[in-house]
Amino acid sequence: MNHDPLFIEHLRKALTLFEQGKDIKFIEDKIASVNIDPLQKEIILKQIKRLWHVKRNKIGTQLIIVGIIFLGIGFISSILLHLNGSNSLDFPLYGLTATGIVILIIGLVYLFH
């Protein structure tokens, strides 16, 4: 699909705003104010939203992995401390596991919201 240079220029501006960390709503407002074809505006917005979802999925996946690691460390340390006869299971059982669960939930929110 061939696009005119004006469309490509506005697409680059939108991508630059996205890379600068601007909000989706801010980019939508900027694109809405330019004088190009409505179909081209929609194409630009779809492209930016797709990139935004990819970024959120990447962050969500990383948070899920970190949460699983915390859960695993908490579980393994609880077992090892229990096998050694230690009565102090508070930190691994409640601290690491609760932290892992919170991070995991935040990752799931990023992934599925």
PDB file of N, CA and C in Angstrom:
ATOM      1  N   MET A   1       0.841  -1.157   0.000  1.00  0.00           N
ATOM      2  CA  MET A   1       0.000   0.000   0.000  1.00  0.00           C
ATOM      3  C   MET A   1       0.899   1.237   0.000  1.00  0.00           C
ATOM      4  N   ASN A   2       0.738   2.089  -0.974  1.00  0.00           N
ATOM      5  CA  ASN A   2       1.518   3.317  -1.067  1.00  0.00           C
ATOM      6  C   ASN A   2       0.793   4.432  -0.331  1.00  0.00           C
ATOM      7  N   HIS A   3       1.562   5.147   0.466  1.00  0.00           N
ATOM      8  CA  HIS A   3       1.002   6.266   1.211  1.00  0.00           C
ATOM      9  C   HIS A   3       1.718   7.531   0.788  1.00  0.00           C
ATOM     10  N   ASP A   4       1.009   8.616   0.893  1.00  0.00           N
ATOM     11  CA  ASP A   4       1.605   9.893   0.526  1.00  0.00           C
ATOM     12  C   ASP A   4       2.621  10.337   1.585  1.00  0.00           C
ATOM     13  N   PRO A   5       3.529  11.217   1.219  1.00  0.00           N
ATOM     14  CA  PRO A   5       4.566  11.658   2.159  1.00  0.00           C
ATOM     15  C   PRO A   5       4.014  12.326   3.412  1.00  0.00           C
ATOM     16  N   LEU A   6       2.874  12.997   3.300  1.00  0.00           N
ATOM     17  CA  LEU A   6       2.270  13.635   4.462  1.00  0.00           C
ATOM     18  C   LEU A   6       1.852  12.590   5.503  1.00  0.00           C
ATOM     19  N   PHE A   7       1.292  11.490   5.016  1.00  0.00           N
ATOM     20  CA  PHE A   7       0.899  10.401   5.919  1.00  0.00           C
ATOM     21  C   PHE A   7       2.124   9.828   6.618  1.00  0.00           C
ATOM     22  N   ILE A   8       3.175   9.581   5.873  1.00  0.00           N
ATOM     23  CA  ILE A   8       4.394   9.010   6.447  1.00  0.00           C
ATOM     24  C   ILE A   8       4.998   9.963   7.476  1.00  0.00           C
ATOM     25  N   GLU A   9       4.950  11.264   7.195  1.00  0.00           N
ATOM     26  CA  GLU A   9       5.472  12.257   8.136  1.00  0.00           C
ATOM     27  C   GLU A   9       4.685  12.235   9.444  1.00  0.00           C
ATOM     28  N   HIS A  10       3.356  12.159   9.358  1.00  0.00           N
ATOM     29  CA  HIS A  10       2.523  12.129  10.561  1.00  0.00           C
ATOM     30  C   HIS A  10       2.691  10.813  11.319  1.00  0.00           C
ATOM     31  N   LEU A  11       2.887   9.732  10.587  1.00  0.00           N
ATOM     32  CA  LEU A  11       3.145   8.447  11.239  1.00  0.00           C
ATOM     33  C   LEU A  11       4.458   8.508  12.011  1.00  0.00           C
ATOM     34  N   ARG A  12       5.472   9.093  11.432  1.00  0.00           N
ATOM     35  CA  ARG A  12       6.763   9.229  12.122  1.00  0.00           C
ATOM     36  C   ARG A  12       6.634  10.113  13.355  1.00  0.00           C
ATOM     37  N   LYS A  13       5.862  11.196  13.244  1.00  0.00           N
ATOM     38  CA  LYS A  13       5.658  12.060  14.403  1.00  0.00           C
ATOM     39  C   LYS A  13       4.948  11.303  15.522  1.00  0.00           C
ATOM     40  N   ALA A  14       3.942  10.515  15.163  1.00  0.00           N
ATOM     41  CA  ALA A  14       3.216   9.734  16.168  1.00  0.00           C
ATOM     42  C   ALA A  14       4.138   8.698  16.814  1.00  0.00           C
ATOM     43  N   LEU A  15       4.976   8.049  16.011  1.00  0.00           N
ATOM     44  CA  LEU A  15       5.912   7.068  16.559  1.00  0.00           C
ATOM     45  C   LEU A  15       6.938   7.742  17.471  1.00  0.00           C
ATOM     46  N   THR A  16       7.367   8.930  17.104  1.00  0.00           N
ATOM     47  CA  THR A  16       8.307   9.671  17.939  1.00  0.00           C
ATOM     48  C   THR A  16       7.665  10.025  19.281  1.00  0.00           C
ATOM     49  N   LEU A  17       6.417  10.481  19.250  1.00  0.00           N
ATOM     50  CA  LEU A  17       5.710  10.781  20.491  1.00  0.00           C
ATOM     51  C   LEU A  17       5.562   9.529  21.358  1.00  0.00           C
ATOM     52  N   PHE A  18       5.275   8.401  20.714  1.00  0.00           N
ATOM     53  CA  PHE A  18       5.136   7.140  21.441  1.00  0.00           C
ATOM     54  C   PHE A  18       6.461   6.747  22.090  1.00  0.00           C
ATOM     55  N   GLU A  19       7.552   6.886  21.345  1.00  0.00           N
ATOM     56  CA  GLU A  19       8.866   6.533  21.880  1.00  0.00           C
ATOM     57  C   GLU A  19       9.293   7.468  23.003  1.00  0.00           C
ATOM     58  N   GLN A  20       8.776   8.693  23.002  1.00  0.00           N
ATOM     59  CA  GLN A  20       9.069   9.636  24.077  1.00  0.00           C
ATOM     60  C   GLN A  20       8.255   9.336  25.328  1.00  0.00           C
ATOM     61  N   GLY A  21       7.349   8.375  25.229  1.00  0.00           N
ATOM     62  CA  GLY A  21       6.559   7.973  26.389  1.00  0.00           C
ATOM     63  C   GLY A  21       5.269   8.754  26.561  1.00  0.00           C
ATOM     64  N   LYS A  22       4.836   9.414  25.512  1.00  0.00           N
ATOM     65  CA  LYS A  22       3.583  10.176  25.603  1.00  0.00           C
ATOM     66  C   LYS A  22       2.402   9.221  25.719  1.00  0.00           C
ATOM     67  N   ASP A  23       1.354   9.686  26.352  1.00  0.00           N
ATOM     68  CA  ASP A  23       0.139   8.916  26.563  1.00  0.00           C
ATOM     69  C   ASP A  23      -0.597   8.707  25.240  1.00  0.00           C
ATOM     70  N   ILE A  24      -1.338   7.610  25.140  1.00  0.00           N
ATOM     71  CA  ILE A  24      -2.113   7.300  23.934  1.00  0.00           C
ATOM     72  C   ILE A  24      -3.117   8.420  23.647  1.00  0.00           C
ATOM     73  N   LYS A  25      -3.770   8.923  24.685  1.00  0.00           N
ATOM     74  CA  LYS A  25      -4.761   9.990  24.511  1.00  0.00           C
ATOM     75  C   LYS A  25      -4.106  11.250  23.931  1.00  0.00           C
ATOM     76  N   PHE A  26      -2.908  11.574  24.403  1.00  0.00           N
ATOM     77  CA  PHE A  26      -2.178  12.739  23.894  1.00  0.00           C
ATOM     78  C   PHE A  26      -1.868  12.559  22.406  1.00  0.00           C
ATOM     79  N   ILE A  27      -1.438  11.363  22.029  1.00  0.00           N
ATOM     80  CA  ILE A  27      -1.123  11.097  20.623  1.00  0.00           C
ATOM     81  C   ILE A  27      -2.391  11.153  19.779  1.00  0.00           C
ATOM     82  N   GLU A  28      -3.483  10.620  20.297  1.00  0.00           N
ATOM     83  CA  GLU A  28      -4.755  10.678  19.571  1.00  0.00           C
ATOM     84  C   GLU A  28      -5.176  12.124  19.330  1.00  0.00           C
ATOM     85  N   ASP A  29      -5.015  12.962  20.340  1.00  0.00           N
ATOM     86  CA  ASP A  29      -5.371  14.379  20.186  1.00  0.00           C
ATOM     87  C   ASP A  29      -4.501  15.061  19.143  1.00  0.00           C
ATOM     88  N   LYS A  30      -3.209  14.746  19.145  1.00  0.00           N
ATOM     89  CA  LYS A  30      -2.305  15.342  18.153  1.00  0.00           C
ATOM     90  C   LYS A  30      -2.677  14.896  16.737  1.00  0.00           C
ATOM     91  N   ILE A  31      -2.984  13.614  16.573  1.00  0.00           N
ATOM     92  CA  ILE A  31      -3.341  13.083  15.253  1.00  0.00           C
ATOM     93  C   ILE A  31      -4.688  13.647  14.808  1.00  0.00           C
ATOM     94  N   ALA A  32      -5.611  13.819  15.746  1.00  0.00           N
ATOM     95  CA  ALA A  32      -6.935  14.344  15.400  1.00  0.00           C
ATOM     96  C   ALA A  32      -6.858  15.784  14.900  1.00  0.00           C
ATOM     97  N   SER A  33      -5.826  16.510  15.330  1.00  0.00           N
ATOM     98  CA  SER A  33      -5.724  17.919  14.953  1.00  0.00           C
ATOM     99  C   SER A  33      -5.047  18.146  13.597  1.00  0.00           C
ATOM    100  N   VAL A  34      -4.446  17.089  13.016  1.00  0.00           N
ATOM    101  CA  VAL A  34      -3.765  17.275  11.727  1.00  0.00           C
ATOM    102  C   VAL A  34      -4.760  17.145  10.578  1.00  0.00           C
ATOM    103  N   ASN A  35      -4.360  17.650   9.441  1.00  0.00           N
ATOM    104  CA  ASN A  35      -5.241  17.683   8.278  1.00  0.00           C
ATOM    105  C   ASN A  35      -4.855  16.572   7.290  1.00  0.00           C
ATOM    106  N   ILE A  36      -5.252  15.340   7.623  1.00  0.00           N
ATOM    107  CA  ILE A  36      -5.066  14.217   6.696  1.00  0.00           C
ATOM    108  C   ILE A  36      -6.369  13.434   6.638  1.00  0.00           C
ATOM    109  N   ASP A  37      -6.408  12.490   5.733  1.00  0.00           N
ATOM    110  CA  ASP A  37      -7.589  11.663   5.512  1.00  0.00           C
ATOM    111  C   ASP A  37      -7.970  10.913   6.798  1.00  0.00           C
ATOM    112  N   PRO A  38      -9.264  10.847   7.152  1.00  0.00           N
ATOM    113  CA  PRO A  38      -9.682  10.135   8.367  1.00  0.00           C
ATOM    114  C   PRO A  38      -9.261   8.665   8.380  1.00  0.00           C
ATOM    115  N   LEU A  39      -9.237   8.034   7.224  1.00  0.00           N
ATOM    116  CA  LEU A  39      -8.797   6.642   7.149  1.00  0.00           C
ATOM    117  C   LEU A  39      -7.323   6.529   7.522  1.00  0.00           C
ATOM    118  N   GLN A  40      -6.529   7.494   7.075  1.00  0.00           N
ATOM    119  CA  GLN A  40      -5.110   7.482   7.411  1.00  0.00           C
ATOM    120  C   GLN A  40      -4.900   7.760   8.897  1.00  0.00           C
ATOM    121  N   LYS A  41      -5.726   8.628   9.470  1.00  0.00           N
ATOM    122  CA  LYS A  41      -5.655   8.876  10.910  1.00  0.00           C
ATOM    123  C   LYS A  41      -5.928   7.588  11.677  1.00  0.00           C
ATOM    124  N   GLU A  42      -6.934   6.869  11.219  1.00  0.00           N
ATOM    125  CA  GLU A  42      -7.291   5.615  11.882  1.00  0.00           C
ATOM    126  C   GLU A  42      -6.162   4.591  11.767  1.00  0.00           C
ATOM    127  N   ILE A  43      -5.506   4.540  10.624  1.00  0.00           N
ATOM    128  CA  ILE A  43      -4.382   3.616  10.433  1.00  0.00           C
ATOM    129  C   ILE A  43      -3.250   3.961  11.400  1.00  0.00           C
ATOM    130  N   ILE A  44      -2.952   5.259  11.530  1.00  0.00           N
ATOM    131  CA  ILE A  44      -1.887   5.688  12.448  1.00  0.00           C
ATOM    132  C   ILE A  44      -2.241   5.317  13.880  1.00  0.00           C
ATOM    133  N   LEU A  45      -3.466   5.576  14.282  1.00  0.00           N
ATOM    134  CA  LEU A  45      -3.887   5.271  15.654  1.00  0.00           C
ATOM    135  C   LEU A  45      -3.869   3.774  15.931  1.00  0.00           C
ATOM    136  N   LYS A  46      -4.284   2.970  14.961  1.00  0.00           N
ATOM    137  CA  LYS A  46      -4.231   1.513  15.140  1.00  0.00           C
ATOM    138  C   LYS A  46      -2.791   1.036  15.311  1.00  0.00           C
ATOM    139  N   GLN A  47      -1.888   1.621  14.538  1.00  0.00           N
ATOM    140  CA  GLN A  47      -0.479   1.250  14.631  1.00  0.00           C
ATOM    141  C   GLN A  47       0.086   1.609  16.005  1.00  0.00           C
ATOM    142  N   ILE A  48      -0.231   2.790  16.495  1.00  0.00           N
ATOM    143  CA  ILE A  48       0.252   3.229  17.807  1.00  0.00           C
ATOM    144  C   ILE A  48      -0.346   2.361  18.919  1.00  0.00           C
ATOM    145  N   LYS A  49      -1.631   2.064  18.821  1.00  0.00           N
ATOM    146  CA  LYS A  49      -2.268   1.218  19.834  1.00  0.00           C
ATOM    147  C   LYS A  49      -1.689  -0.192  19.828  1.00  0.00           C
ATOM    148  N   ARG A  50      -1.361  -0.700  18.642  1.00  0.00           N
ATOM    149  CA  ARG A  50      -0.745  -2.027  18.559  1.00  0.00           C
ATOM    150  C   ARG A  50       0.609  -2.022  19.257  1.00  0.00           C
ATOM    151  N   LEU A  51       1.399  -0.984  19.024  1.00  0.00           N
ATOM    152  CA  LEU A  51       2.699  -0.876  19.682  1.00  0.00           C
ATOM    153  C   LEU A  51       2.548  -0.730  21.194  1.00  0.00           C
ATOM    154  N   TRP A  52       1.514   0.007  21.620  1.00  0.00           N
ATOM    155  CA  TRP A  52       1.257   0.191  23.044  1.00  0.00           C
ATOM    156  C   TRP A  52       0.923  -1.152  23.699  1.00  0.00           C
ATOM    157  N   HIS A  53       0.111  -1.971  23.017  1.00  0.00           N
ATOM    158  CA  HIS A  53      -0.242  -3.287  23.558  1.00  0.00           C
ATOM    159  C   HIS A  53       0.975  -4.209  23.600  1.00  0.00           C
ATOM    160  N   VAL A  54       1.821  -4.142  22.599  1.00  0.00           N
ATOM    161  CA  VAL A  54       3.041  -4.951  22.598  1.00  0.00           C
ATOM    162  C   VAL A  54       3.928  -4.570  23.780  1.00  0.00           C
ATOM    163  N   LYS A  55       4.049  -3.273  24.028  1.00  0.00           N
ATOM    164  CA  LYS A  55       4.862  -2.795  25.146  1.00  0.00           C
ATOM    165  C   LYS A  55       4.288  -3.267  26.479  1.00  0.00           C
ATOM    166  N   ARG A  56       2.969  -3.154  26.649  1.00  0.00           N
ATOM    167  CA  ARG A  56       2.328  -3.606  27.894  1.00  0.00           C
ATOM    168  C   ARG A  56       2.462  -5.114  28.073  1.00  0.00           C
ATOM    169  N   ASN A  57       2.342  -5.875  26.974  1.00  0.00           N
ATOM    170  CA  ASN A  57       2.502  -7.318  27.073  1.00  0.00           C
ATOM    171  C   ASN A  57       3.918  -7.691  27.490  1.00  0.00           C
ATOM    172  N   LYS A  58       4.895  -6.970  26.978  1.00  0.00           N
ATOM    173  CA  LYS A  58       6.290  -7.238  27.341  1.00  0.00           C
ATOM    174  C   LYS A  58       6.523  -6.960  28.820  1.00  0.00           C
ATOM    175  N   ILE A  59       6.021  -5.832  29.308  1.00  0.00           N
ATOM    176  CA  ILE A  59       6.170  -5.488  30.727  1.00  0.00           C
ATOM    177  C   ILE A  59       5.426  -6.511  31.588  1.00  0.00           C
ATOM    178  N   GLY A  60       4.218  -6.881  31.187  1.00  0.00           N
ATOM    179  CA  GLY A  60       3.438  -7.859  31.938  1.00  0.00           C
ATOM    180  C   GLY A  60       4.119  -9.213  32.018  1.00  0.00           C
ATOM    181  N   THR A  61       4.690  -9.648  30.909  1.00  0.00           N
ATOM    182  CA  THR A  61       5.387 -10.932  30.892  1.00  0.00           C
ATOM    183  C   THR A  61       6.602 -10.900  31.801  1.00  0.00           C
ATOM    184  N   GLN A  62       7.350  -9.811  31.772  1.00  0.00           N
ATOM    185  CA  GLN A  62       8.520  -9.690  32.643  1.00  0.00           C
ATOM    186  C   GLN A  62       8.111  -9.697  34.110  1.00  0.00           C
ATOM    187  N   LEU A  63       7.034  -9.000  34.448  1.00  0.00           N
ATOM    188  CA  LEU A  63       6.565  -8.990  35.839  1.00  0.00           C
ATOM    189  C   LEU A  63       6.081 -10.370  36.273  1.00  0.00           C
ATOM    190  N   ILE A  64       5.421 -11.088  35.391  1.00  0.00           N
ATOM    191  CA  ILE A  64       4.970 -12.446  35.719  1.00  0.00           C
ATOM    192  C   ILE A  64       6.162 -13.345  36.004  1.00  0.00           C
ATOM    193  N   ILE A  65       7.195 -13.240  35.194  1.00  0.00           N
ATOM    194  CA  ILE A  65       8.395 -14.059  35.402  1.00  0.00           C
ATOM    195  C   ILE A  65       9.053 -13.724  36.742  1.00  0.00           C
ATOM    196  N   VAL A  66       9.166 -12.431  37.051  1.00  0.00           N
ATOM    197  CA  VAL A  66       9.753 -12.030  38.338  1.00  0.00           C
ATOM    198  C   VAL A  66       8.890 -12.536  39.495  1.00  0.00           C
ATOM    199  N   GLY A  67       7.575 -12.442  39.369  1.00  0.00           N
ATOM    200  CA  GLY A  67       6.679 -12.945  40.413  1.00  0.00           C
ATOM    201  C   GLY A  67       6.828 -14.440  40.619  1.00  0.00           C
ATOM    202  N   ILE A  68       6.960 -15.180  39.524  1.00  0.00           N
ATOM    203  CA  ILE A  68       7.140 -16.635  39.630  1.00  0.00           C
ATOM    204  C   ILE A  68       8.468 -16.956  40.301  1.00  0.00           C
ATOM    205  N   ILE A  69       9.497 -16.187  39.994  1.00  0.00           N
ATOM    206  CA  ILE A  69      10.802 -16.407  40.632  1.00  0.00           C
ATOM    207  C   ILE A  69      10.699 -16.169  42.137  1.00  0.00           C
ATOM    208  N   PHE A  70      10.037 -15.078  42.537  1.00  0.00           N
ATOM    209  CA  PHE A  70       9.847 -14.817  43.968  1.00  0.00           C
ATOM    210  C   PHE A  70       9.057 -15.946  44.621  1.00  0.00           C
ATOM    211  N   LEU A  71       8.012 -16.420  43.968  1.00  0.00           N
ATOM    212  CA  LEU A  71       7.222 -17.524  44.525  1.00  0.00           C
ATOM    213  C   LEU A  71       8.077 -18.781  44.666  1.00  0.00           C
ATOM    214  N   GLY A  72       8.872 -19.068  43.655  1.00  0.00           N
ATOM    215  CA  GLY A  72       9.735 -20.245  43.705  1.00  0.00           C
ATOM    216  C   GLY A  72      10.767 -20.156  44.809  1.00  0.00           C
ATOM    217  N   ILE A  73      11.406 -18.993  44.940  1.00  0.00           N
ATOM    218  CA  ILE A  73      12.404 -18.810  45.995  1.00  0.00           C
ATOM    219  C   ILE A  73      11.754 -18.924  47.371  1.00  0.00           C
ATOM    220  N   GLY A  74      10.581 -18.332  47.531  1.00  0.00           N
ATOM    221  CA  GLY A  74       9.870 -18.433  48.808  1.00  0.00           C
ATOM    222  C   GLY A  74       9.492 -19.864  49.136  1.00  0.00           C
ATOM    223  N   PHE A  75       9.029 -20.602  48.139  1.00  0.00           N
ATOM    224  CA  PHE A  75       8.637 -21.999  48.345  1.00  0.00           C
ATOM    225  C   PHE A  75       9.843 -22.865  48.705  1.00  0.00           C
ATOM    226  N   ILE A  76      10.915 -22.732  47.923  1.00  0.00           N
ATOM    227  CA  ILE A  76      12.103 -23.560  48.157  1.00  0.00           C
ATOM    228  C   ILE A  76      12.748 -23.228  49.504  1.00  0.00           C
ATOM    229  N   SER A  77      12.831 -21.935  49.827  1.00  0.00           N
ATOM    230  CA  SER A  77      13.442 -21.578  51.109  1.00  0.00           C
ATOM    231  C   SER A  77      12.570 -22.025  52.274  1.00  0.00           C
ATOM    232  N   SER A  78      11.269 -22.024  52.114  1.00  0.00           N
ATOM    233  CA  SER A  78      10.391 -22.527  53.177  1.00  0.00           C
ATOM    234  C   SER A  78      10.625 -24.016  53.406  1.00  0.00           C
ATOM    235  N   ILE A  79      10.732 -24.753  52.322  1.00  0.00           N
ATOM    236  CA  ILE A  79      10.974 -26.201  52.451  1.00  0.00           C
ATOM    237  C   ILE A  79      12.330 -26.470  53.083  1.00  0.00           C
ATOM    238  N   LEU A  80      13.360 -25.764  52.620  1.00  0.00           N
ATOM    239  CA  LEU A  80      14.701 -25.987  53.166  1.00  0.00           C
ATOM    240  C   LEU A  80      14.765 -25.605  54.644  1.00  0.00           C
ATOM    241  N   LEU A  81      14.157 -24.505  55.018  1.00  0.00           N
ATOM    242  CA  LEU A  81      14.157 -24.115  56.428  1.00  0.00           C
ATOM    243  C   LEU A  81      13.357 -25.102  57.282  1.00  0.00           C
ATOM    244  N   HIS A  82      12.267 -25.624  56.739  1.00  0.00           N
ATOM    245  CA  HIS A  82      11.462 -26.606  57.480  1.00  0.00           C
ATOM    246  C   HIS A  82      12.238 -27.909  57.660  1.00  0.00           C
ATOM    247  N   LEU A  83      12.957 -28.344  56.624  1.00  0.00           N
ATOM    248  CA  LEU A  83      13.741 -29.576  56.712  1.00  0.00           C
ATOM    249  C   LEU A  83      14.904 -29.425  57.683  1.00  0.00           C
ATOM    250  N   ASN A  84      15.426 -28.217  57.838  1.00  0.00           N
ATOM    251  CA  ASN A  84      16.518 -27.982  58.783  1.00  0.00           C
ATOM    252  C   ASN A  84      16.009 -27.810  60.207  1.00  0.00           C
ATOM    253  N   GLY A  85      14.720 -27.831  60.392  1.00  0.00           N
ATOM    254  CA  GLY A  85      14.145 -27.728  61.724  1.00  0.00           C
ATOM    255  C   GLY A  85      14.005 -26.305  62.229  1.00  0.00           C
ATOM    256  N   SER A  86      14.105 -25.355  61.343  1.00  0.00           N
ATOM    257  CA  SER A  86      13.974 -23.963  61.766  1.00  0.00           C
ATOM    258  C   SER A  86      12.505 -23.621  61.980  1.00  0.00           C
ATOM    259  N   ASN A  87      12.249 -22.882  63.021  1.00  0.00           N
ATOM    260  CA  ASN A  87      10.884 -22.455  63.295  1.00  0.00           C
ATOM    261  C   ASN A  87      10.568 -21.108  62.675  1.00  0.00           C
ATOM    262  N   SER A  88      11.558 -20.453  62.098  1.00  0.00           N
ATOM    263  CA  SER A  88      11.368 -19.117  61.542  1.00  0.00           C
ATOM    264  C   SER A  88      11.060 -19.210  60.045  1.00  0.00           C
ATOM    265  N   LEU A  89       9.802 -19.420  59.738  1.00  0.00           N
ATOM    266  CA  LEU A  89       9.371 -19.494  58.342  1.00  0.00           C
ATOM    267  C   LEU A  89       8.662 -18.223  57.904  1.00  0.00           C
ATOM    268  N   ASP A  90       8.655 -17.212  58.761  1.00  0.00           N
ATOM    269  CA  ASP A  90       7.886 -15.998  58.467  1.00  0.00           C
ATOM    270  C   ASP A  90       8.342 -15.299  57.194  1.00  0.00           C
ATOM    271  N   PHE A  91       9.640 -15.015  57.084  1.00  0.00           N
ATOM    272  CA  PHE A  91      10.113 -14.254  55.919  1.00  0.00           C
ATOM    273  C   PHE A  91       9.909 -15.011  54.610  1.00  0.00           C
ATOM    274  N   PRO A  92      10.382 -16.266  54.487  1.00  0.00           N
ATOM    275  CA  PRO A  92      10.185 -16.922  53.188  1.00  0.00           C
ATOM    276  C   PRO A  92       8.729 -17.228  52.882  1.00  0.00           C
ATOM    277  N   LEU A  93       7.986 -17.598  53.917  1.00  0.00           N
ATOM    278  CA  LEU A  93       6.608 -18.000  53.675  1.00  0.00           C
ATOM    279  C   LEU A  93       5.706 -16.804  53.407  1.00  0.00           C
ATOM    280  N   TYR A  94       5.851 -15.757  54.193  1.00  0.00           N
ATOM    281  CA  TYR A  94       4.958 -14.611  54.053  1.00  0.00           C
ATOM    282  C   TYR A  94       5.571 -13.478  53.242  1.00  0.00           C
ATOM    283  N   GLY A  95       6.831 -13.211  53.440  1.00  0.00           N
ATOM    284  CA  GLY A  95       7.478 -12.094  52.752  1.00  0.00           C
ATOM    285  C   GLY A  95       7.688 -12.340  51.266  1.00  0.00           C
ATOM    286  N   LEU A  96       8.447 -13.382  50.943  1.00  0.00           N
ATOM    287  CA  LEU A  96       8.756 -13.652  49.537  1.00  0.00           C
ATOM    288  C   LEU A  96       7.527 -14.105  48.761  1.00  0.00           C
ATOM    289  N   THR A  97       6.727 -14.958  49.377  1.00  0.00           N
ATOM    290  CA  THR A  97       5.552 -15.469  48.679  1.00  0.00           C
ATOM    291  C   THR A  97       4.531 -14.366  48.429  1.00  0.00           C
ATOM    292  N   ALA A  98       4.288 -13.523  49.425  1.00  0.00           N
ATOM    293  CA  ALA A  98       3.338 -12.424  49.234  1.00  0.00           C
ATOM    294  C   ALA A  98       3.850 -11.439  48.189  1.00  0.00           C
ATOM    295  N   THR A  99       5.142 -11.153  48.223  1.00  0.00           N
ATOM    296  CA  THR A  99       5.727 -10.266  47.210  1.00  0.00           C
ATOM    297  C   THR A  99       5.581 -10.874  45.826  1.00  0.00           C
ATOM    298  N   GLY A 100       5.850 -12.166  45.723  1.00  0.00           N
ATOM    299  CA  GLY A 100       5.700 -12.850  44.432  1.00  0.00           C
ATOM    300  C   GLY A 100       4.280 -12.819  43.915  1.00  0.00           C
ATOM    301  N   ILE A 101       3.317 -13.008  44.810  1.00  0.00           N
ATOM    302  CA  ILE A 101       1.909 -12.984  44.401  1.00  0.00           C
ATOM    303  C   ILE A 101       1.508 -11.591  43.924  1.00  0.00           C
ATOM    304  N   VAL A 102       1.936 -10.562  44.642  1.00  0.00           N
ATOM    305  CA  VAL A 102       1.593  -9.183  44.248  1.00  0.00           C
ATOM    306  C   VAL A 102       2.194  -8.848  42.886  1.00  0.00           C
ATOM    307  N   ILE A 103       3.464  -9.187  42.697  1.00  0.00           N
ATOM    308  CA  ILE A 103       4.118  -8.908  41.406  1.00  0.00           C
ATOM    309  C   ILE A 103       3.446  -9.705  40.286  1.00  0.00           C
ATOM    310  N   LEU A 104       3.095 -10.939  40.565  1.00  0.00           N
ATOM    311  CA  LEU A 104       2.418 -11.779  39.574  1.00  0.00           C
ATOM    312  C   LEU A 104       1.068 -11.180  39.181  1.00  0.00           C
ATOM    313  N   ILE A 105       0.306 -10.705  40.141  1.00  0.00           N
ATOM    314  CA  ILE A 105      -1.002 -10.106  39.852  1.00  0.00           C
ATOM    315  C   ILE A 105      -0.838  -8.825  39.045  1.00  0.00           C
ATOM    316  N   ILE A 106       0.144  -8.001  39.394  1.00  0.00           N
ATOM    317  CA  ILE A 106       0.388  -6.785  38.623  1.00  0.00           C
ATOM    318  C   ILE A 106       0.759  -7.131  37.169  1.00  0.00           C
ATOM    319  N   GLY A 107       1.578  -8.168  37.001  1.00  0.00           N
ATOM    320  CA  GLY A 107       1.921  -8.623  35.659  1.00  0.00           C
ATOM    321  C   GLY A 107       0.714  -9.108  34.873  1.00  0.00           C
ATOM    322  N   LEU A 108      -0.179  -9.812  35.545  1.00  0.00           N
ATOM    323  CA  LEU A 108      -1.400 -10.276  34.871  1.00  0.00           C
ATOM    324  C   LEU A 108      -2.295  -9.108  34.481  1.00  0.00           C
ATOM    325  N   VAL A 109      -2.343  -8.086  35.337  1.00  0.00           N
ATOM    326  CA  VAL A 109      -3.134  -6.899  34.986  1.00  0.00           C
ATOM    327  C   VAL A 109      -2.552  -6.228  33.734  1.00  0.00           C
ATOM    328  N   TYR A 110      -1.235  -6.094  33.700  1.00  0.00           N
ATOM    329  CA  TYR A 110      -0.591  -5.515  32.509  1.00  0.00           C
ATOM    330  C   TYR A 110      -0.875  -6.363  31.277  1.00  0.00           C
ATOM    331  N   LEU A 111      -0.870  -7.667  31.442  1.00  0.00           N
ATOM    332  CA  LEU A 111      -1.029  -8.564  30.297  1.00  0.00           C
ATOM    333  C   LEU A 111      -2.457  -8.606  29.774  1.00  0.00           C
ATOM    334  N   PHE A 112      -3.444  -8.589  30.670  1.00  0.00           N
ATOM    335  CA  PHE A 112      -4.820  -8.805  30.234  1.00  0.00           C
ATOM    336  C   PHE A 112      -5.707  -7.571  30.290  1.00  0.00           C
ATOM    337  N   HIS A 113      -5.197  -6.439  30.702  1.00  0.00           N
ATOM    338  CA  HIS A 113      -6.030  -5.229  30.752  1.00  0.00           C
ATOM    339  C   HIS A 113      -6.054  -4.550  29.411  1.00  0.00           C
TER     340      HIS A 113
END
